[in-house]
Amino acid sequence: YCKVLRHLDPQDLLNLFHSASVFRTFLLHKSSAPTWAAARANLPGLPPRIKSMNEASYASFLFDKHCEV
């Protein structure tokens, strides 16, 4: 399902991430970084990812309604 997920936007991936532990585990794995990057590319105008954040954290920073410090 990697090929399918690359057609989503980061907010959709984040919703999947929050929906089930199987998606959370998969989307947190280092090998899913290209999936997150492709999803970011599907949403023009996003600022570049902050280098110190992983893809899931960056999507959460952009789209979640709560803040974690």
C-alpha atoms as a PDB file:
ATOM      1  CA  TYR A   1       0.000   0.000   0.000  1.00  0.00           C
ATOM      2  CA  CYS A   2       3.032   2.303  -0.098  1.00  0.00           C
ATOM      3  CA  LYS A   3       2.269   3.281  -3.668  1.00  0.00           C
ATOM      4  CA  VAL A   4      -1.290   4.243  -2.735  1.00  0.00           C
ATOM      5  CA  LEU A   5      -0.246   6.270   0.316  1.00  0.00           C
ATOM      6  CA  ARG A   6       2.064   8.423  -1.803  1.00  0.00           C
ATOM      7  CA  HIS A   7      -1.007   9.896  -3.520  1.00  0.00           C
ATOM      8  CA  LEU A   8      -2.403  11.249  -0.249  1.00  0.00           C
ATOM      9  CA  ASP A   9      -1.530  14.541   1.345  1.00  0.00           C
ATOM     10  CA  PRO A  10       0.294  14.778   4.696  1.00  0.00           C
ATOM     11  CA  GLN A  11      -2.891  15.453   6.639  1.00  0.00           C
ATOM     12  CA  ASP A  12      -4.437  12.238   5.296  1.00  0.00           C
ATOM     13  CA  LEU A  13      -1.319  10.293   6.319  1.00  0.00           C
ATOM     14  CA  LEU A  14      -1.513  11.880   9.739  1.00  0.00           C
ATOM     15  CA  ASN A  15      -5.158  10.794  10.055  1.00  0.00           C
ATOM     16  CA  LEU A  16      -4.128   7.231   9.197  1.00  0.00           C
ATOM     17  CA  PHE A  17      -1.270   7.517  11.680  1.00  0.00           C
ATOM     18  CA  HIS A  18      -3.757   8.362  14.447  1.00  0.00           C
ATOM     19  CA  SER A  19      -6.332   5.752  13.395  1.00  0.00           C
ATOM     20  CA  ALA A  20      -4.591   2.433  14.076  1.00  0.00           C
ATOM     21  CA  SER A  21      -1.381   1.150  15.601  1.00  0.00           C
ATOM     22  CA  VAL A  22      -0.499  -0.798  12.447  1.00  0.00           C
ATOM     23  CA  PHE A  23      -0.452   2.463  10.454  1.00  0.00           C
ATOM     24  CA  ARG A  24       1.362   4.288  13.248  1.00  0.00           C
ATOM     25  CA  THR A  25       4.094   1.651  13.353  1.00  0.00           C
ATOM     26  CA  PHE A  26       4.468   1.666   9.580  1.00  0.00           C
ATOM     27  CA  LEU A  27       4.441   5.452   9.211  1.00  0.00           C
ATOM     28  CA  LEU A  28       6.970   5.967  12.022  1.00  0.00           C
ATOM     29  CA  HIS A  29       9.456   3.570  10.462  1.00  0.00           C
ATOM     30  CA  LYS A  30      12.436   5.218   8.799  1.00  0.00           C
ATOM     31  CA  SER A  31      11.609   3.481   5.508  1.00  0.00           C
ATOM     32  CA  SER A  32       8.341   5.436   5.248  1.00  0.00           C
ATOM     33  CA  ALA A  33      10.150   8.794   4.892  1.00  0.00           C
ATOM     34  CA  PRO A  34       9.789   8.730   1.068  1.00  0.00           C
ATOM     35  CA  THR A  35       6.033   8.194   1.507  1.00  0.00           C
ATOM     36  CA  TRP A  36       5.781  11.287   3.713  1.00  0.00           C
ATOM     37  CA  ALA A  37       7.963  13.288   1.295  1.00  0.00           C
ATOM     38  CA  ALA A  38       5.761  12.289  -1.650  1.00  0.00           C
ATOM     39  CA  ALA A  39       2.676  13.283   0.340  1.00  0.00           C
ATOM     40  CA  ARG A  40       4.237  16.683   1.066  1.00  0.00           C
ATOM     41  CA  ALA A  41       4.891  17.131  -2.645  1.00  0.00           C
ATOM     42  CA  ASN A  42       1.162  16.596  -3.266  1.00  0.00           C
ATOM     43  CA  LEU A  43       0.400  19.757  -1.308  1.00  0.00           C
ATOM     44  CA  PRO A  44       2.109  22.693  -3.022  1.00  0.00           C
ATOM     45  CA  GLY A  45       3.075  25.677  -0.937  1.00  0.00           C
ATOM     46  CA  LEU A  46       4.156  23.868   2.224  1.00  0.00           C
ATOM     47  CA  PRO A  47       7.305  25.244   3.804  1.00  0.00           C
ATOM     48  CA  PRO A  48      10.314  22.909   3.660  1.00  0.00           C
ATOM     49  CA  ARG A  49      10.504  20.306   6.399  1.00  0.00           C
ATOM     50  CA  ILE A  50      12.432  21.368   9.468  1.00  0.00           C
ATOM     51  CA  LYS A  51      15.607  19.251   9.382  1.00  0.00           C
ATOM     52  CA  SER A  52      15.490  18.439  13.092  1.00  0.00           C
ATOM     53  CA  MET A  53      11.994  16.917  12.781  1.00  0.00           C
ATOM     54  CA  ASN A  54      11.078  13.560  11.327  1.00  0.00           C
ATOM     55  CA  GLU A  55       8.318  13.460   8.711  1.00  0.00           C
ATOM     56  CA  ALA A  56       5.532  12.417  11.097  1.00  0.00           C
ATOM     57  CA  SER A  57       6.471  15.106  13.626  1.00  0.00           C
ATOM     58  CA  TYR A  58       6.540  17.739  10.915  1.00  0.00           C
ATOM     59  CA  ALA A  59       3.095  16.733   9.637  1.00  0.00           C
ATOM     60  CA  SER A  60       1.809  16.838  13.201  1.00  0.00           C
ATOM     61  CA  PHE A  61       3.359  20.285  13.676  1.00  0.00           C
ATOM     62  CA  LEU A  62       1.583  21.540  10.554  1.00  0.00           C
ATOM     63  CA  PHE A  63      -1.822  19.876  10.862  1.00  0.00           C
ATOM     64  CA  ASP A  64      -2.620  18.729  14.400  1.00  0.00           C
ATOM     65  CA  LYS A  65      -4.756  21.047  16.459  1.00  0.00           C
ATOM     66  CA  HIS A  66      -2.731  20.564  19.653  1.00  0.00           C
ATOM     67  CA  CYS A  67       0.818  21.561  20.509  1.00  0.00           C
ATOM     68  CA  GLU A  68       3.445  19.450  22.224  1.00  0.00           C
ATOM     69  CA  VAL A  69       6.660  20.881  23.567  1.00  0.00           C
END
